[in-house]
PDB file of N, CA and C in Angstrom:
ATOM      1  N   MET A   1      19.406 -16.555  -9.874  1.00  0.00           N
ATOM      2  CA  MET A   1      19.678 -15.173  -9.922  1.00  0.00           C
ATOM      3  C   MET A   1      18.827 -14.600  -9.036  1.00  0.00           C
ATOM      4  N   ALA A   2      19.130 -13.628  -8.259  1.00  0.00           N
ATOM      5  CA  ALA A   2      18.079 -13.018  -7.407  1.00  0.00           C
ATOM      6  C   ALA A   2      17.553 -11.896  -8.034  1.00  0.00           C
ATOM      7  N   ILE A   3      16.236 -11.586  -7.354  1.00  0.00           N
ATOM      8  CA  ILE A   3      15.163 -10.581  -8.097  1.00  0.00           C
ATOM      9  C   ILE A   3      15.560  -9.258  -7.543  1.00  0.00           C
ATOM     10  N   THR A   4      15.558  -8.049  -8.413  1.00  0.00           N
ATOM     11  CA  THR A   4      15.894  -7.071  -7.706  1.00  0.00           C
ATOM     12  C   THR A   4      14.694  -6.197  -7.548  1.00  0.00           C
ATOM     13  N   SER A   5      14.672  -5.648  -6.340  1.00  0.00           N
ATOM     14  CA  SER A   5      13.478  -4.985  -5.925  1.00  0.00           C
ATOM     15  C   SER A   5      13.432  -3.763  -5.428  1.00  0.00           C
ATOM     16  N   THR A   6      12.535  -2.839  -5.528  1.00  0.00           N
ATOM     17  CA  THR A   6      12.416  -1.534  -5.035  1.00  0.00           C
ATOM     18  C   THR A   6      11.102  -1.237  -4.353  1.00  0.00           C
ATOM     19  N   MET A   7      11.170  -0.355  -3.026  1.00  0.00           N
ATOM     20  CA  MET A   7       9.810  -0.383  -2.341  1.00  0.00           C
ATOM     21  C   MET A   7       9.636   1.082  -2.137  1.00  0.00           C
ATOM     22  N   TYR A   8       8.219   1.668  -2.351  1.00  0.00           N
ATOM     23  CA  TYR A   8       7.865   2.719  -2.455  1.00  0.00           C
ATOM     24  C   TYR A   8       6.825   2.855  -1.566  1.00  0.00           C
ATOM     25  N   ASP A   9       6.840   3.635  -0.212  1.00  0.00           N
ATOM     26  CA  ASP A   9       5.775   4.048   0.644  1.00  0.00           C
ATOM     27  C   ASP A   9       4.918   5.078  -0.166  1.00  0.00           C
ATOM     28  N   LEU A  10       3.535   4.657  -0.360  1.00  0.00           N
ATOM     29  CA  LEU A  10       2.529   6.005  -1.022  1.00  0.00           C
ATOM     30  C   LEU A  10       1.433   5.683  -0.181  1.00  0.00           C
ATOM     31  N   SER A  11       1.464   5.556   1.138  1.00  0.00           N
ATOM     32  CA  SER A  11       0.669   5.105   2.087  1.00  0.00           C
ATOM     33  C   SER A  11      -0.290   6.875   2.503  1.00  0.00           C
ATOM     34  N   GLU A  12       0.638   7.996   2.423  1.00  0.00           N
ATOM     35  CA  GLU A  12       0.149   9.225   2.571  1.00  0.00           C
ATOM     36  C   GLU A  12      -0.166   9.627   1.571  1.00  0.00           C
ATOM     37  N   LEU A  13      -0.482   9.456   0.305  1.00  0.00           N
ATOM     38  CA  LEU A  13      -0.993  10.202  -0.764  1.00  0.00           C
ATOM     39  C   LEU A  13      -2.415   9.834  -1.024  1.00  0.00           C
ATOM     40  N   SER A  14      -3.237  10.696  -1.668  1.00  0.00           N
ATOM     41  CA  SER A  14      -4.470  10.679  -1.848  1.00  0.00           C
ATOM     42  C   SER A  14      -4.643  10.730  -3.426  1.00  0.00           C
ATOM     43  N   CYS A  15      -5.819  10.616  -4.139  1.00  0.00           N
ATOM     44  CA  CYS A  15      -6.132  10.861  -5.646  1.00  0.00           C
ATOM     45  C   CYS A  15      -6.041  12.246  -6.002  1.00  0.00           C
ATOM     46  N   PRO A  16      -5.681  12.815  -7.140  1.00  0.00           N
ATOM     47  CA  PRO A  16      -4.844  12.023  -7.982  1.00  0.00           C
ATOM     48  C   PRO A  16      -3.408  11.712  -8.177  1.00  0.00           C
ATOM     49  N   GLN A  17      -3.069  12.374  -6.699  1.00  0.00           N
ATOM     50  CA  GLN A  17      -1.320  11.935  -6.604  1.00  0.00           C
ATOM     51  C   GLN A  17      -1.241  10.745  -6.443  1.00  0.00           C
ATOM     52  N   LEU A  18      -2.036   9.738  -5.818  1.00  0.00           N
ATOM     53  CA  LEU A  18      -1.866   8.318  -5.620  1.00  0.00           C
ATOM     54  C   LEU A  18      -1.644   7.752  -6.668  1.00  0.00           C
ATOM     55  N   PHE A  19      -2.323   7.794  -7.918  1.00  0.00           N
ATOM     56  CA  PHE A  19      -2.439   7.121  -9.296  1.00  0.00           C
ATOM     57  C   PHE A  19      -1.160   7.542  -9.935  1.00  0.00           C
ATOM     58  N   VAL A  20      -1.093   9.073  -9.805  1.00  0.00           N
ATOM     59  CA  VAL A  20      -0.047   9.489 -10.635  1.00  0.00           C
ATOM     60  C   VAL A  20       1.358   9.112 -10.459  1.00  0.00           C
ATOM     61  N   GLN A  21       1.784   9.000  -8.898  1.00  0.00           N
ATOM     62  CA  GLN A  21       3.090   8.647  -8.333  1.00  0.00           C
ATOM     63  C   GLN A  21       3.299   7.138  -8.366  1.00  0.00           C
ATOM     64  N   PHE A  22       2.340   6.131  -8.480  1.00  0.00           N
ATOM     65  CA  PHE A  22       2.246   4.901  -8.807  1.00  0.00           C
ATOM     66  C   PHE A  22       2.764   4.602 -10.085  1.00  0.00           C
ATOM     67  N   LYS A  23       2.233   5.258 -11.263  1.00  0.00           N
ATOM     68  CA  LYS A  23       2.541   4.949 -12.319  1.00  0.00           C
ATOM     69  C   LYS A  23       4.036   5.629 -12.807  1.00  0.00           C
ATOM     70  N   TRP A  24       4.466   6.788 -12.200  1.00  0.00           N
ATOM     71  CA  TRP A  24       5.801   7.249 -12.395  1.00  0.00           C
ATOM     72  C   TRP A  24       6.830   6.478 -11.715  1.00  0.00           C
ATOM     73  N   ARG A  25       6.403   5.755 -10.618  1.00  0.00           N
ATOM     74  CA  ARG A  25       7.620   5.048  -9.867  1.00  0.00           C
ATOM     75  C   ARG A  25       7.633   3.622 -10.526  1.00  0.00           C
ATOM     76  N   LEU A  26       6.442   3.260 -11.346  1.00  0.00           N
ATOM     77  CA  LEU A  26       6.281   1.791 -11.884  1.00  0.00           C
ATOM     78  C   LEU A  26       7.362   2.144 -13.237  1.00  0.00           C
ATOM     79  N   LYS A  27       7.051   3.476 -13.726  1.00  0.00           N
ATOM     80  CA  LYS A  27       8.172   3.473 -15.169  1.00  0.00           C
ATOM     81  C   LYS A  27       9.592   3.634 -14.771  1.00  0.00           C
ATOM     82  N   GLN A  28       9.904   4.403 -13.621  1.00  0.00           N
ATOM     83  CA  GLN A  28      11.285   4.762 -13.444  1.00  0.00           C
ATOM     84  C   GLN A  28      12.079   3.771 -13.533  1.00  0.00           C
ATOM     85  N   GLY A  29      11.666   2.424 -13.270  1.00  0.00           N
ATOM     86  CA  GLY A  29      12.724   1.260 -12.792  1.00  0.00           C
ATOM     87  C   GLY A  29      13.147   0.807 -11.535  1.00  0.00           C
ATOM     88  N   GLY A  30      14.285   0.596 -11.497  1.00  0.00           N
ATOM     89  CA  GLY A  30      14.845   0.324 -10.053  1.00  0.00           C
ATOM     90  C   GLY A  30      14.443  -1.308  -9.830  1.00  0.00           C
ATOM     91  N   GLY A  31      14.489  -1.978 -10.802  1.00  0.00           N
ATOM     92  CA  GLY A  31      14.555  -3.460 -10.525  1.00  0.00           C
ATOM     93  C   GLY A  31      13.356  -4.209 -11.360  1.00  0.00           C
ATOM     94  N   GLU A  32      13.385  -5.377 -10.892  1.00  0.00           N
ATOM     95  CA  GLU A  32      12.216  -6.313 -11.934  1.00  0.00           C
ATOM     96  C   GLU A  32      10.999  -6.535 -10.958  1.00  0.00           C
ATOM     97  N   GLN A  33      10.878  -6.151  -9.760  1.00  0.00           N
ATOM     98  CA  GLN A  33      10.013  -6.095  -8.891  1.00  0.00           C
ATOM     99  C   GLN A  33       9.697  -4.702  -8.028  1.00  0.00           C
ATOM    100  N   VAL A  34       8.662  -4.340  -8.160  1.00  0.00           N
ATOM    101  CA  VAL A  34       8.337  -2.952  -7.349  1.00  0.00           C
ATOM    102  C   VAL A  34       7.015  -3.251  -6.492  1.00  0.00           C
ATOM    103  N   THR A  35       7.514  -3.014  -5.152  1.00  0.00           N
ATOM    104  CA  THR A  35       6.764  -3.259  -4.121  1.00  0.00           C
ATOM    105  C   THR A  35       6.071  -1.977  -3.677  1.00  0.00           C
ATOM    106  N   TYR A  36       4.655  -1.537  -3.363  1.00  0.00           N
ATOM    107  CA  TYR A  36       4.218  -0.395  -2.879  1.00  0.00           C
ATOM    108  C   TYR A  36       3.297  -0.604  -1.547  1.00  0.00           C
ATOM    109  N   LEU A  37       3.581   0.316  -0.661  1.00  0.00           N
ATOM    110  CA  LEU A  37       2.899   0.169   0.810  1.00  0.00           C
ATOM    111  C   LEU A  37       1.796   1.306   0.172  1.00  0.00           C
ATOM    112  N   PHE A  38       0.346   0.782   0.799  1.00  0.00           N
ATOM    113  CA  PHE A  38      -0.591   1.658   0.938  1.00  0.00           C
ATOM    114  C   PHE A  38      -1.231   1.575   2.267  1.00  0.00           C
ATOM    115  N   SER A  39      -2.069   2.615   2.637  1.00  0.00           N
ATOM    116  CA  SER A  39      -2.670   2.412   4.010  1.00  0.00           C
ATOM    117  C   SER A  39      -3.975   1.512   3.578  1.00  0.00           C
ATOM    118  N   ALA A  40      -4.595   1.044   4.520  1.00  0.00           N
ATOM    119  CA  ALA A  40      -5.917   0.023   4.406  1.00  0.00           C
ATOM    120  C   ALA A  40      -7.204   1.063   3.836  1.00  0.00           C
ATOM    121  N   GLU A  41      -7.067   2.099   4.184  1.00  0.00           N
ATOM    122  CA  GLU A  41      -8.302   3.360   3.682  1.00  0.00           C
ATOM    123  C   GLU A  41      -7.871   3.389   2.177  1.00  0.00           C
ATOM    124  N   GLN A  42      -7.048   3.755   1.571  1.00  0.00           N
ATOM    125  CA  GLN A  42      -6.770   4.047   0.104  1.00  0.00           C
ATOM    126  C   GLN A  42      -7.607   3.071  -0.575  1.00  0.00           C
ATOM    127  N   SER A  43      -8.069   3.497  -1.663  1.00  0.00           N
ATOM    128  CA  SER A  43      -8.974   2.856  -3.093  1.00  0.00           C
ATOM    129  C   SER A  43      -7.684   2.337  -4.038  1.00  0.00           C
ATOM    130  N   LEU A  44      -7.648   1.180  -4.206  1.00  0.00           N
ATOM    131  CA  LEU A  44      -6.696   0.700  -5.265  1.00  0.00           C
ATOM    132  C   LEU A  44      -7.401   0.402  -6.628  1.00  0.00           C
ATOM    133  N   THR A  45      -8.746   0.663  -6.895  1.00  0.00           N
ATOM    134  CA  THR A  45      -9.235   0.487  -7.689  1.00  0.00           C
ATOM    135  C   THR A  45      -8.688   0.967  -9.215  1.00  0.00           C
ATOM    136  N   ASP A  46      -8.048   2.113  -9.334  1.00  0.00           N
ATOM    137  CA  ASP A  46      -7.600   2.655 -10.572  1.00  0.00           C
ATOM    138  C   ASP A  46      -6.403   1.652 -10.806  1.00  0.00           C
ATOM    139  N   ILE A  47      -5.560   1.613  -9.552  1.00  0.00           N
ATOM    140  CA  ILE A  47      -4.337   0.891  -9.915  1.00  0.00           C
ATOM    141  C   ILE A  47      -4.445  -0.483 -10.335  1.00  0.00           C
ATOM    142  N   ILE A  48      -5.278  -1.042  -9.742  1.00  0.00           N
ATOM    143  CA  ILE A  48      -5.493  -2.539 -10.058  1.00  0.00           C
ATOM    144  C   ILE A  48      -6.043  -2.816 -11.533  1.00  0.00           C
ATOM    145  N   ARG A  49      -6.834  -1.585 -11.809  1.00  0.00           N
ATOM    146  CA  ARG A  49      -7.314  -1.637 -13.230  1.00  0.00           C
ATOM    147  C   ARG A  49      -6.442  -1.600 -14.450  1.00  0.00           C
ATOM    148  N   TYR A  50      -5.460  -0.403 -14.011  1.00  0.00           N
ATOM    149  CA  TYR A  50      -4.435  -0.154 -14.786  1.00  0.00           C
ATOM    150  C   TYR A  50      -3.197  -1.347 -15.060  1.00  0.00           C
ATOM    151  N   LEU A  51      -2.881  -1.952 -13.954  1.00  0.00           N
ATOM    152  CA  LEU A  51      -2.256  -3.380 -13.835  1.00  0.00           C
ATOM    153  C   LEU A  51      -2.911  -4.210 -14.837  1.00  0.00           C
ATOM    154  N   ASP A  52      -4.248  -4.765 -14.571  1.00  0.00           N
ATOM    155  CA  ASP A  52      -4.785  -5.440 -15.480  1.00  0.00           C
ATOM    156  C   ASP A  52      -5.002  -5.377 -16.943  1.00  0.00           C
ATOM    157  N   THR A  53      -5.102  -3.824 -17.329  1.00  0.00           N
ATOM    158  CA  THR A  53      -5.130  -3.204 -18.647  1.00  0.00           C
ATOM    159  C   THR A  53      -4.029  -3.588 -19.380  1.00  0.00           C
ATOM    160  N   LYS A  54      -2.844  -3.293 -18.690  1.00  0.00           N
ATOM    161  CA  LYS A  54      -1.422  -3.401 -19.033  1.00  0.00           C
ATOM    162  C   LYS A  54      -0.768  -4.760 -19.032  1.00  0.00           C
ATOM    163  N   GLU A  55      -1.589  -5.550 -18.284  1.00  0.00           N
ATOM    164  CA  GLU A  55      -0.943  -7.027 -18.140  1.00  0.00           C
ATOM    165  C   GLU A  55       0.385  -7.331 -17.310  1.00  0.00           C
ATOM    166  N   TYR A  56       0.285  -6.697 -16.250  1.00  0.00           N
ATOM    167  CA  TYR A  56       1.379  -6.744 -15.400  1.00  0.00           C
ATOM    168  C   TYR A  56       0.977  -7.898 -14.455  1.00  0.00           C
ATOM    169  N   ALA A  57       1.849  -8.971 -13.931  1.00  0.00           N
ATOM    170  CA  ALA A  57       1.832  -9.604 -12.685  1.00  0.00           C
ATOM    171  C   ALA A  57       2.038  -9.113 -11.519  1.00  0.00           C
ATOM    172  N   TYR A  58       0.776  -8.908 -10.606  1.00  0.00           N
ATOM    173  CA  TYR A  58       0.915  -8.374  -9.249  1.00  0.00           C
ATOM    174  C   TYR A  58       0.322  -9.253  -8.230  1.00  0.00           C
ATOM    175  N   CYS A  59       0.743  -8.924  -6.973  1.00  0.00           N
ATOM    176  CA  CYS A  59       0.272  -9.737  -5.889  1.00  0.00           C
ATOM    177  C   CYS A  59       0.090  -8.766  -4.721  1.00  0.00           C
ATOM    178  N   ILE A  60      -1.002  -8.988  -4.261  1.00  0.00           N
ATOM    179  CA  ILE A  60      -1.533  -8.119  -3.121  1.00  0.00           C
ATOM    180  C   ILE A  60      -1.520  -8.688  -1.817  1.00  0.00           C
ATOM    181  N   GLU A  61      -0.935  -8.185  -0.599  1.00  0.00           N
ATOM    182  CA  GLU A  61      -1.066  -8.557   0.758  1.00  0.00           C
ATOM    183  C   GLU A  61      -1.493  -7.682   1.292  1.00  0.00           C
ATOM    184  N   GLU A  62      -2.653  -8.083   2.064  1.00  0.00           N
ATOM    185  CA  GLU A  62      -3.606  -7.203   3.055  1.00  0.00           C
ATOM    186  C   GLU A  62      -3.137  -7.721   4.436  1.00  0.00           C
ATOM    187  N   GLN A  63      -2.732  -6.699   5.211  1.00  0.00           N
ATOM    188  CA  GLN A  63      -2.489  -6.714   6.736  1.00  0.00           C
ATOM    189  C   GLN A  63      -3.402  -5.565   7.462  1.00  0.00           C
ATOM    190  N   ALA A  64      -3.365  -5.712   8.380  1.00  0.00           N
ATOM    191  CA  ALA A  64      -4.328  -4.737   9.397  1.00  0.00           C
ATOM    192  C   ALA A  64      -4.582  -3.276   9.060  1.00  0.00           C
ATOM    193  N   CYS A  65      -3.176  -2.766   8.921  1.00  0.00           N
ATOM    194  CA  CYS A  65      -3.339  -1.456   8.406  1.00  0.00           C
ATOM    195  C   CYS A  65      -3.032  -0.941   7.189  1.00  0.00           C
ATOM    196  N   THR A  66      -2.246  -1.889   6.452  1.00  0.00           N
ATOM    197  CA  THR A  66      -1.541  -1.604   5.334  1.00  0.00           C
ATOM    198  C   THR A  66      -1.876  -2.603   4.142  1.00  0.00           C
ATOM    199  N   VAL A  67      -1.436  -2.072   3.112  1.00  0.00           N
ATOM    200  CA  VAL A  67      -1.887  -3.379   2.031  1.00  0.00           C
ATOM    201  C   VAL A  67      -0.558  -2.915   1.202  1.00  0.00           C
ATOM    202  N   LYS A  68       0.234  -4.267   0.727  1.00  0.00           N
ATOM    203  CA  LYS A  68       1.196  -4.181   0.202  1.00  0.00           C
ATOM    204  C   LYS A  68       1.187  -4.802  -1.200  1.00  0.00           C
ATOM    205  N   LEU A  69       1.642  -4.303  -2.444  1.00  0.00           N
ATOM    206  CA  LEU A  69       1.054  -4.637  -3.779  1.00  0.00           C
ATOM    207  C   LEU A  69       2.629  -4.712  -4.307  1.00  0.00           C
ATOM    208  N   LYS A  70       2.935  -6.066  -4.557  1.00  0.00           N
ATOM    209  CA  LYS A  70       4.005  -6.097  -5.682  1.00  0.00           C
ATOM    210  C   LYS A  70       3.722  -6.506  -7.072  1.00  0.00           C
ATOM    211  N   VAL A  71       4.546  -5.578  -7.851  1.00  0.00           N
ATOM    212  CA  VAL A  71       4.405  -5.656  -9.118  1.00  0.00           C
ATOM    213  C   VAL A  71       5.651  -6.031  -9.844  1.00  0.00           C
ATOM    214  N   GLU A  72       5.405  -7.093 -10.843  1.00  0.00           N
ATOM    215  CA  GLU A  72       6.599  -7.472 -11.754  1.00  0.00           C
ATOM    216  C   GLU A  72       6.649  -6.677 -12.879  1.00  0.00           C
ATOM    217  N   ARG A  73       7.639  -5.921 -13.117  1.00  0.00           N
ATOM    218  CA  ARG A  73       7.999  -4.730 -13.931  1.00  0.00           C
ATOM    219  C   ARG A  73       8.033  -5.787 -15.227  1.00  0.00           C
ATOM    220  N   VAL A  74       8.179  -7.074 -15.560  1.00  0.00           N
ATOM    221  CA  VAL A  74       8.203  -7.503 -16.858  1.00  0.00           C
ATOM    222  C   VAL A  74       6.773  -7.672 -17.237  1.00  0.00           C
ATOM    223  N   ARG A  75       5.904  -7.393 -18.039  1.00  0.00           N
ATOM    224  CA  ARG A  75       4.483  -7.971 -18.222  1.00  0.00           C
ATOM    225  C   ARG A  75       4.607  -9.432 -18.983  1.00  0.00           C
ATOM    226  N   VAL A  76       3.351  -9.919 -18.261  1.00  0.00           N
ATOM    227  CA  VAL A  76       3.040 -10.978 -18.725  1.00  0.00           C
ATOM    228  C   VAL A  76       2.557 -11.281 -20.411  1.00  0.00           C
TER     229      VAL A  76
END
């Protein structure tokens, strides 16, 4: 069975909107996996801390100008 995924581009946001939009979109649903796009300049410290605290599985892919964060909606 294929994994359903949703992608959100948060690269234009700054704190606190960045974190608020991240959490809101994570809770909205839209599939088993949620992918977020960030700019390389954005700090993901609070987001990573939140995912670790809530025990979500995630993967970070860093590229030259962007960061892709894939989050499994089903917590481990």
